[in-house]
C-alpha atoms as a PDB file:
ATOM      1  CA  MET A   1      -9.609   7.782   2.877  1.00  0.00           C
ATOM      2  CA  SER A   2     -13.274   8.460   2.279  1.00  0.00           C
ATOM      3  CA  ALA A   3     -15.381   5.456   3.272  1.00  0.00           C
ATOM      4  CA  GLN A   4     -17.629   6.411   0.363  1.00  0.00           C
ATOM      5  CA  PHE A   5     -15.037   5.473  -2.242  1.00  0.00           C
ATOM      6  CA  GLN A   6     -12.208   3.419  -0.662  1.00  0.00           C
ATOM      7  CA  ASN A   7     -10.141   4.544  -3.652  1.00  0.00           C
ATOM      8  CA  GLN A   8      -7.310   7.045  -3.355  1.00  0.00           C
ATOM      9  CA  VAL A   9      -7.873   8.740  -6.724  1.00  0.00           C
ATOM     10  CA  LEU A  10     -11.579   9.318  -6.147  1.00  0.00           C
ATOM     11  CA  SER A  11     -11.137  10.306  -2.511  1.00  0.00           C
ATOM     12  CA  ASN A  12      -8.595  12.985  -3.453  1.00  0.00           C
ATOM     13  CA  LEU A  13     -10.562  14.576  -6.300  1.00  0.00           C
ATOM     14  CA  GLY A  14     -10.986  18.342  -6.260  1.00  0.00           C
ATOM     15  CA  GLU A  15     -14.502  19.750  -5.982  1.00  0.00           C
ATOM     16  CA  ASP A  16     -14.905  20.422  -9.715  1.00  0.00           C
ATOM     17  CA  ASP A  17     -13.591  16.992 -10.716  1.00  0.00           C
ATOM     18  CA  LEU A  18     -15.805  15.254  -8.168  1.00  0.00           C
ATOM     19  CA  ALA A  19     -18.881  17.167  -9.310  1.00  0.00           C
ATOM     20  CA  ALA A  20     -18.185  16.182 -12.919  1.00  0.00           C
ATOM     21  CA  LEU A  21     -17.535  12.484 -12.275  1.00  0.00           C
ATOM     22  CA  LEU A  22     -19.813  11.600  -9.357  1.00  0.00           C
ATOM     23  CA  PRO A  23     -23.099  11.394 -11.322  1.00  0.00           C
ATOM     24  CA  HIS A  24     -21.510   8.848 -13.668  1.00  0.00           C
ATOM     25  CA  LEU A  25     -19.790   6.567 -11.139  1.00  0.00           C
ATOM     26  CA  VAL A  26     -21.370   3.143 -10.654  1.00  0.00           C
ATOM     27  CA  ALA A  27     -20.584   0.986  -7.612  1.00  0.00           C
ATOM     28  CA  VAL A  28     -19.867  -2.616  -8.633  1.00  0.00           C
ATOM     29  CA  THR A  29     -18.770  -5.866  -7.038  1.00  0.00           C
ATOM     30  CA  LEU A  30     -16.044  -7.598  -9.025  1.00  0.00           C
ATOM     31  CA  ARG A  31     -15.596 -11.366  -8.963  1.00  0.00           C
ATOM     32  CA  LYS A  32     -12.319 -13.226  -9.242  1.00  0.00           C
ATOM     33  CA  GLY A  33     -11.565 -13.978 -12.873  1.00  0.00           C
ATOM     34  CA  ASP A  34     -13.793 -11.250 -14.339  1.00  0.00           C
ATOM     35  CA  VAL A  35     -12.204  -9.803 -17.484  1.00  0.00           C
ATOM     36  CA  LEU A  36     -12.718  -6.030 -17.406  1.00  0.00           C
ATOM     37  CA  THR A  37     -10.768  -5.126 -20.553  1.00  0.00           C
ATOM     38  CA  GLU A  38      -9.656  -7.615 -23.189  1.00  0.00           C
ATOM     39  CA  GLN A  39      -6.153  -7.610 -24.644  1.00  0.00           C
ATOM     40  CA  ASP A  40      -6.106  -5.611 -27.911  1.00  0.00           C
ATOM     41  CA  GLY A  41      -9.636  -4.419 -27.139  1.00  0.00           C
ATOM     42  CA  PRO A  42     -10.945  -0.886 -26.560  1.00  0.00           C
ATOM     43  CA  VAL A  43     -10.978   0.746 -23.135  1.00  0.00           C
ATOM     44  CA  ASP A  44     -14.689   1.583 -22.938  1.00  0.00           C
ATOM     45  CA  GLU A  45     -14.834   1.632 -19.146  1.00  0.00           C
ATOM     46  CA  VAL A  46     -12.315   2.240 -16.402  1.00  0.00           C
ATOM     47  CA  TYR A  47     -12.413   0.856 -12.873  1.00  0.00           C
ATOM     48  CA  PHE A  48     -11.351   2.461  -9.605  1.00  0.00           C
ATOM     49  CA  PRO A  49     -10.802  -0.482  -7.210  1.00  0.00           C
ATOM     50  CA  GLY A  50     -11.948  -0.238  -3.624  1.00  0.00           C
ATOM     51  CA  THR A  51     -11.306  -3.596  -1.979  1.00  0.00           C
ATOM     52  CA  ALA A  52     -10.742  -5.430  -5.288  1.00  0.00           C
ATOM     53  CA  ASP A  53      -7.308  -5.977  -6.815  1.00  0.00           C
ATOM     54  CA  LEU A  54      -6.780  -6.084 -10.577  1.00  0.00           C
ATOM     55  CA  ALA A  55      -4.005  -7.656 -12.633  1.00  0.00           C
ATOM     56  CA  ASN A  56      -2.672  -6.416 -15.955  1.00  0.00           C
ATOM     57  CA  VAL A  57      -1.898  -9.672 -17.758  1.00  0.00           C
ATOM     58  CA  MET A  58      -0.125 -10.356 -21.055  1.00  0.00           C
ATOM     59  CA  MET A  59      -1.785 -13.215 -22.934  1.00  0.00           C
ATOM     60  CA  PHE A  60       0.139 -15.449 -25.341  1.00  0.00           C
ATOM     61  CA  ALA A  61      -1.087 -17.390 -28.367  1.00  0.00           C
ATOM     62  CA  ASP A  62      -0.432 -20.726 -26.637  1.00  0.00           C
ATOM     63  CA  GLY A  63      -2.779 -19.773 -23.778  1.00  0.00           C
ATOM     64  CA  ARG A  64      -0.120 -18.862 -21.253  1.00  0.00           C
ATOM     65  CA  ALA A  65      -0.361 -15.603 -19.315  1.00  0.00           C
ATOM     66  CA  VAL A  66       1.965 -13.474 -17.180  1.00  0.00           C
ATOM     67  CA  GLU A  67       1.073 -10.634 -14.838  1.00  0.00           C
ATOM     68  CA  THR A  68       2.986  -7.416 -15.557  1.00  0.00           C
ATOM     69  CA  SER A  69       1.496  -5.050 -12.964  1.00  0.00           C
ATOM     70  CA  THR A  70      -1.418  -4.683 -10.565  1.00  0.00           C
ATOM     71  CA  VAL A  71      -4.006  -2.009  -9.809  1.00  0.00           C
ATOM     72  CA  GLY A  72      -5.479  -1.595  -6.347  1.00  0.00           C
ATOM     73  CA  SER A  73      -7.241   1.098  -4.365  1.00  0.00           C
ATOM     74  CA  GLU A  74      -4.448   3.543  -5.173  1.00  0.00           C
ATOM     75  CA  GLY A  75      -5.348   3.747  -8.851  1.00  0.00           C
ATOM     76  CA  VAL A  76      -7.492   3.127 -11.911  1.00  0.00           C
ATOM     77  CA  SER A  77      -7.442   0.498 -14.664  1.00  0.00           C
ATOM     78  CA  GLY A  78      -6.424   0.856 -18.306  1.00  0.00           C
ATOM     79  CA  LEU A  79      -4.771   4.257 -18.017  1.00  0.00           C
ATOM     80  CA  ALA A  80      -1.926   3.989 -20.531  1.00  0.00           C
ATOM     81  CA  ALA A  81      -4.155   2.783 -23.367  1.00  0.00           C
ATOM     82  CA  PHE A  82      -6.896   5.186 -22.304  1.00  0.00           C
ATOM     83  CA  LEU A  83      -4.607   8.222 -22.405  1.00  0.00           C
ATOM     84  CA  ALA A  84      -3.184   7.168 -25.768  1.00  0.00           C
ATOM     85  CA  GLY A  85      -6.622   6.539 -27.243  1.00  0.00           C
ATOM     86  CA  ALA A  86      -5.367   3.111 -28.286  1.00  0.00           C
ATOM     87  CA  PRO A  87      -6.472  -0.504 -27.761  1.00  0.00           C
ATOM     88  CA  CYS A  88      -5.306  -2.025 -24.490  1.00  0.00           C
ATOM     89  CA  SER A  89      -2.140  -4.085 -24.972  1.00  0.00           C
ATOM     90  CA  TRP A  90      -2.938  -6.336 -22.005  1.00  0.00           C
ATOM     91  CA  ARG A  91      -5.918  -8.011 -20.371  1.00  0.00           C
ATOM     92  CA  VAL A  92      -7.296  -6.450 -17.193  1.00  0.00           C
ATOM     93  CA  VAL A  93      -8.593  -9.222 -14.939  1.00  0.00           C
ATOM     94  CA  VAL A  94      -9.827  -9.355 -11.347  1.00  0.00           C
ATOM     95  CA  GLN A  95      -7.346 -11.311  -9.224  1.00  0.00           C
ATOM     96  CA  ILE A  96      -8.854 -10.485  -5.796  1.00  0.00           C
ATOM     97  CA  GLU A  97     -12.617 -10.008  -5.728  1.00  0.00           C
ATOM     98  CA  GLY A  98     -14.120  -6.971  -4.050  1.00  0.00           C
ATOM     99  CA  THR A  99     -15.651  -3.568  -4.642  1.00  0.00           C
ATOM    100  CA  ALA A 100     -14.882  -0.951  -7.280  1.00  0.00           C
ATOM    101  CA  TRP A 101     -16.334   2.061  -9.051  1.00  0.00           C
ATOM    102  CA  LYS A 102     -16.990   1.851 -12.795  1.00  0.00           C
ATOM    103  CA  LEU A 103     -16.895   4.897 -15.077  1.00  0.00           C
ATOM    104  CA  ALA A 104     -17.382   5.328 -18.820  1.00  0.00           C
ATOM    105  CA  ALA A 105     -14.003   6.116 -20.343  1.00  0.00           C
ATOM    106  CA  ASP A 106     -15.393   9.027 -22.369  1.00  0.00           C
ATOM    107  CA  VAL A 107     -16.537  10.755 -19.179  1.00  0.00           C
ATOM    108  CA  LEU A 108     -13.089  10.502 -17.618  1.00  0.00           C
ATOM    109  CA  ARG A 109     -11.440  11.583 -20.874  1.00  0.00           C
ATOM    110  CA  ARG A 110     -13.500  14.784 -21.025  1.00  0.00           C
ATOM    111  CA  GLN A 111     -12.701  15.669 -17.428  1.00  0.00           C
ATOM    112  CA  ILE A 112      -8.988  14.970 -17.804  1.00  0.00           C
ATOM    113  CA  GLN A 113      -8.938  17.333 -20.782  1.00  0.00           C
ATOM    114  CA  ALA A 114     -10.544  20.017 -18.601  1.00  0.00           C
ATOM    115  CA  SER A 115      -8.523  19.433 -15.418  1.00  0.00           C
ATOM    116  CA  PRO A 116      -4.730  19.860 -15.268  1.00  0.00           C
ATOM    117  CA  ALA A 117      -4.686  18.385 -11.747  1.00  0.00           C
ATOM    118  CA  LEU A 118      -6.501  15.226 -12.822  1.00  0.00           C
ATOM    119  CA  LEU A 119      -4.287  14.881 -15.894  1.00  0.00           C
ATOM    120  CA  ALA A 120      -1.177  15.186 -13.726  1.00  0.00           C
ATOM    121  CA  ARG A 121      -2.422  12.425 -11.407  1.00  0.00           C
ATOM    122  CA  ALA A 122      -3.281  10.170 -14.332  1.00  0.00           C
ATOM    123  CA  LEU A 123       0.215  10.610 -15.766  1.00  0.00           C
ATOM    124  CA  GLU A 124       1.808   9.834 -12.383  1.00  0.00           C
ATOM    125  CA  LEU A 125      -0.200   6.626 -12.103  1.00  0.00           C
ATOM    126  CA  THR A 126       0.651   5.671 -15.679  1.00  0.00           C
ATOM    127  CA  HIS A 127       4.332   6.144 -14.906  1.00  0.00           C
ATOM    128  CA  ASP A 128       3.978   3.978 -11.791  1.00  0.00           C
ATOM    129  CA  TYR A 129       2.336   1.141 -13.731  1.00  0.00           C
ATOM    130  CA  GLN A 130       5.002   1.370 -16.436  1.00  0.00           C
ATOM    131  CA  SER A 131       7.661   1.203 -13.726  1.00  0.00           C
ATOM    132  CA  GLN A 132       5.959  -1.860 -12.226  1.00  0.00           C
ATOM    133  CA  ALA A 133       5.914  -3.603 -15.600  1.00  0.00           C
ATOM    134  CA  ALA A 134       9.595  -2.870 -16.241  1.00  0.00           C
ATOM    135  CA  GLN A 135      10.569  -4.043 -12.748  1.00  0.00           C
ATOM    136  CA  THR A 136       8.524  -7.222 -13.166  1.00  0.00           C
ATOM    137  CA  ALA A 137      10.137  -8.029 -16.521  1.00  0.00           C
ATOM    138  CA  ALA A 138      13.610  -7.667 -15.031  1.00  0.00           C
ATOM    139  CA  CYS A 139      12.618  -9.591 -11.899  1.00  0.00           C
ATOM    140  CA  ASN A 140      11.208 -12.506 -13.904  1.00  0.00           C
ATOM    141  CA  ALA A 141      14.431 -12.754 -15.903  1.00  0.00           C
ATOM    142  CA  ILE A 142      16.889 -12.598 -13.007  1.00  0.00           C
ATOM    143  CA  HIS A 143      15.429 -13.691  -9.672  1.00  0.00           C
ATOM    144  CA  GLU A 144      14.537 -17.101  -8.286  1.00  0.00           C
ATOM    145  CA  VAL A 145      10.878 -18.006  -7.838  1.00  0.00           C
ATOM    146  CA  ALA A 146      10.722 -17.942  -4.010  1.00  0.00           C
ATOM    147  CA  PRO A 147      11.888 -14.289  -3.776  1.00  0.00           C
ATOM    148  CA  ARG A 148       9.537 -13.404  -6.642  1.00  0.00           C
ATOM    149  CA  LEU A 149       6.643 -15.101  -4.865  1.00  0.00           C
ATOM    150  CA  ALA A 150       7.457 -13.237  -1.646  1.00  0.00           C
ATOM    151  CA  ARG A 151       7.503  -9.943  -3.556  1.00  0.00           C
ATOM    152  CA  TRP A 152       4.200 -10.753  -5.233  1.00  0.00           C
ATOM    153  CA  LEU A 153       2.494 -11.622  -1.940  1.00  0.00           C
ATOM    154  CA  LEU A 154       3.747  -8.393  -0.366  1.00  0.00           C
ATOM    155  CA  LEU A 155       2.391  -6.371  -3.284  1.00  0.00           C
ATOM    156  CA  VAL A 156      -1.021  -8.033  -3.012  1.00  0.00           C
ATOM    157  CA  GLN A 157      -1.152  -7.368   0.727  1.00  0.00           C
ATOM    158  CA  ASP A 158      -0.092  -3.764   0.143  1.00  0.00           C
ATOM    159  CA  ARG A 159      -3.057  -3.224  -2.156  1.00  0.00           C
ATOM    160  CA  THR A 160      -5.699  -5.158  -0.231  1.00  0.00           C
ATOM    161  CA  ASP A 161      -4.537  -4.963   3.421  1.00  0.00           C
ATOM    162  CA  GLN A 162      -5.486  -8.634   3.717  1.00  0.00           C
ATOM    163  CA  SER A 163      -3.416 -11.314   5.401  1.00  0.00           C
ATOM    164  CA  GLU A 164      -5.425 -14.085   3.757  1.00  0.00           C
ATOM    165  CA  ILE A 165      -5.255 -14.178  -0.043  1.00  0.00           C
ATOM    166  CA  LEU A 166      -7.941 -16.242  -1.758  1.00  0.00           C
ATOM    167  CA  LEU A 167      -5.988 -17.657  -4.676  1.00  0.00           C
ATOM    168  CA  THR A 168      -4.851 -21.182  -5.449  1.00  0.00           C
ATOM    169  CA  GLN A 169      -1.220 -21.998  -6.073  1.00  0.00           C
ATOM    170  CA  GLY A 170      -2.277 -22.760  -9.637  1.00  0.00           C
ATOM    171  CA  ASP A 171      -3.639 -19.216  -9.983  1.00  0.00           C
ATOM    172  CA  ILE A 172      -0.390 -17.771  -8.650  1.00  0.00           C
ATOM    173  CA  ALA A 173       1.698 -19.982 -10.931  1.00  0.00           C
ATOM    174  CA  THR A 174      -0.233 -18.672 -13.933  1.00  0.00           C
ATOM    175  CA  LEU A 175       0.251 -15.038 -12.902  1.00  0.00           C
ATOM    176  CA  LEU A 176       3.980 -15.526 -12.291  1.00  0.00           C
ATOM    177  CA  GLY A 177       4.435 -17.491 -15.511  1.00  0.00           C
ATOM    178  CA  VAL A 178       5.855 -20.645 -13.919  1.00  0.00           C
ATOM    179  CA  GLN A 179       4.821 -24.267 -13.392  1.00  0.00           C
ATOM    180  CA  ARG A 180       2.582 -25.136 -10.464  1.00  0.00           C
ATOM    181  CA  THR A 181       5.200 -27.543  -9.119  1.00  0.00           C
ATOM    182  CA  THR A 182       7.663 -24.636  -9.046  1.00  0.00           C
ATOM    183  CA  ILE A 183       5.217 -22.526  -7.016  1.00  0.00           C
ATOM    184  CA  ASN A 184       4.625 -25.469  -4.681  1.00  0.00           C
ATOM    185  CA  ALA A 185       8.352 -25.631  -3.933  1.00  0.00           C
ATOM    186  CA  ALA A 186       8.623 -21.851  -3.489  1.00  0.00           C
ATOM    187  CA  ALA A 187       5.593 -21.749  -1.180  1.00  0.00           C
ATOM    188  CA  SER A 188       7.082 -24.583   0.881  1.00  0.00           C
ATOM    189  CA  GLU A 189      10.268 -22.535   1.251  1.00  0.00           C
ATOM    190  CA  LEU A 190       8.282 -19.518   2.483  1.00  0.00           C
ATOM    191  CA  ARG A 191       6.343 -21.690   4.911  1.00  0.00           C
ATOM    192  CA  SER A 192       9.585 -23.144   6.283  1.00  0.00           C
ATOM    193  CA  ALA A 193      10.755 -19.567   6.896  1.00  0.00           C
ATOM    194  CA  GLY A 194       7.606 -18.935   8.956  1.00  0.00           C
ATOM    195  CA  ALA A 195       6.403 -16.291   6.496  1.00  0.00           C
ATOM    196  CA  ILE A 196       3.223 -17.962   5.229  1.00  0.00           C
ATOM    197  CA  ASP A 197       0.907 -20.900   5.597  1.00  0.00           C
ATOM    198  CA  TYR A 198      -1.385 -22.223   2.913  1.00  0.00           C
ATOM    199  CA  ARG A 199      -4.186 -24.620   2.252  1.00  0.00           C
ATOM    200  CA  ARG A 200      -6.340 -25.263  -0.772  1.00  0.00           C
ATOM    201  CA  GLY A 201      -7.502 -22.020  -2.334  1.00  0.00           C
ATOM    202  CA  ARG A 202      -5.823 -19.576   0.032  1.00  0.00           C
ATOM    203  CA  VAL A 203      -2.481 -18.281   1.265  1.00  0.00           C
ATOM    204  CA  HIS A 204      -2.149 -16.783   4.751  1.00  0.00           C
ATOM    205  CA  ILE A 205       0.627 -14.276   5.456  1.00  0.00           C
ATOM    206  CA  LEU A 206       1.873 -14.997   8.976  1.00  0.00           C
ATOM    207  CA  ASP A 207       4.982 -12.819   9.264  1.00  0.00           C
ATOM    208  CA  ARG A 208       5.397  -9.850   6.955  1.00  0.00           C
ATOM    209  CA  THR A 209       8.911  -9.147   8.235  1.00  0.00           C
ATOM    210  CA  ALA A 210       9.976 -12.689   7.379  1.00  0.00           C
ATOM    211  CA  LEU A 211       8.364 -12.354   3.967  1.00  0.00           C
ATOM    212  CA  ARG A 212      10.274  -9.141   3.285  1.00  0.00           C
ATOM    213  CA  GLY A 213      13.437 -10.939   4.322  1.00  0.00           C
ATOM    214  CA  VAL A 214      12.943 -13.475   1.534  1.00  0.00           C
ATOM    215  CA  ALA A 215      11.627 -11.062  -1.117  1.00  0.00           C
ATOM    216  CA  CYS A 216      13.964  -9.837  -3.832  1.00  0.00           C
ATOM    217  CA  SER A 217      15.157  -6.229  -3.924  1.00  0.00           C
ATOM    218  CA  CYS A 218      12.527  -5.427  -6.561  1.00  0.00           C
ATOM    219  CA  TYR A 219       9.884  -5.042  -3.851  1.00  0.00           C
ATOM    220  CA  GLU A 220      11.615  -2.231  -1.978  1.00  0.00           C
ATOM    221  CA  ALA A 221      12.741  -0.568  -5.215  1.00  0.00           C
ATOM    222  CA  GLN A 222       9.194  -0.386  -6.561  1.00  0.00           C
ATOM    223  CA  ARG A 223       7.774   0.681  -3.210  1.00  0.00           C
ATOM    224  CA  ARG A 224      10.176   3.633  -3.038  1.00  0.00           C
ATOM    225  CA  ARG A 225       9.302   4.737  -6.568  1.00  0.00           C
ATOM    226  CA  SER A 226       5.577   4.627  -5.850  1.00  0.00           C
ATOM    227  CA  GLN A 227       5.949   6.560  -2.610  1.00  0.00           C
ATOM    228  CA  ALA A 228       8.005   9.227  -4.404  1.00  0.00           C
ATOM    229  CA  LEU A 229       4.980   9.785  -6.660  1.00  0.00           C
ATOM    230  CA  GLY A 230       2.675  10.081  -3.652  1.00  0.00           C
ATOM    231  CA  ILE A 231       1.085   6.700  -4.382  1.00  0.00           C
ATOM    232  CA  VAL A 232       0.251   5.100  -1.053  1.00  0.00           C
ATOM    233  CA  THR A 233      -1.279   1.630  -0.867  1.00  0.00           C
ATOM    234  CA  ARG A 234      -4.104   0.518   1.399  1.00  0.00           C
ATOM    235  CA  PHE A 235      -1.692  -1.308   3.747  1.00  0.00           C
ATOM    236  CA  GLN A 236       0.478   1.791   4.143  1.00  0.00           C
ATOM    237  CA  ARG A 237      -2.540   3.996   4.942  1.00  0.00           C
ATOM    238  CA  VAL A 238      -3.536   1.938   7.988  1.00  0.00           C
ATOM    239  CA  ASP A 239      -1.856   2.826  11.285  1.00  0.00           C
ATOM    240  CA  ARG A 240       0.150  -0.122  12.621  1.00  0.00           C
ATOM    241  CA  SER A 241       0.930  -0.750  16.253  1.00  0.00           C
ATOM    242  CA  SER A 242       4.230  -2.322  15.228  1.00  0.00           C
ATOM    243  CA  PRO A 243       6.554  -1.827  12.263  1.00  0.00           C
ATOM    244  CA  SER A 244       5.594  -3.658   9.059  1.00  0.00           C
END
């Protein structure tokens, strides 16, 4: 991947697409908790994460929130609403701070209309995010919290290639739509399995194989679907001296 972008979509642009978009791309640093697109608001700007990780979150009238899908260095934010020319049905929020590239939505829209290759990639990514959301809805309804937490941690590591995740258990509980005490119990179970350790404000992945052993089948199912679309996460792009 180009060190210039650290984003798979931008790094794989054809010459004409790159020439059209490059003058308008703005490098930004995103902070945890930044709201990039508000639920039911317009998609005025899109973000291509580099080292940052974004969450698509459904907000409820009582203040609760649940993550439906994530966007990392493999993709771009707000695509479904952007392609439909409609308000965004979810909030886009930064869950892991880091770098990204910002682009005015109108600029991307014009280039997608002119580029069949870019349109095809945008549709593939949209399908992947829709698949994530459907898998997450089913997972939340059926699976216990510890396997869901293991899946979620694996997905975050896939997109960031970080073993240390700077989020509190309260943050994670909010994203998974459960009580903090429930996350505490699930995290304790994962620590007993030797998969993770944690202290205030951070979770450290110690043994990815152990974590995959606890994770529900939703993780592997979604990973296979993404790979079939040619969507490869940051973790998968790095050569490993031992199997992951």
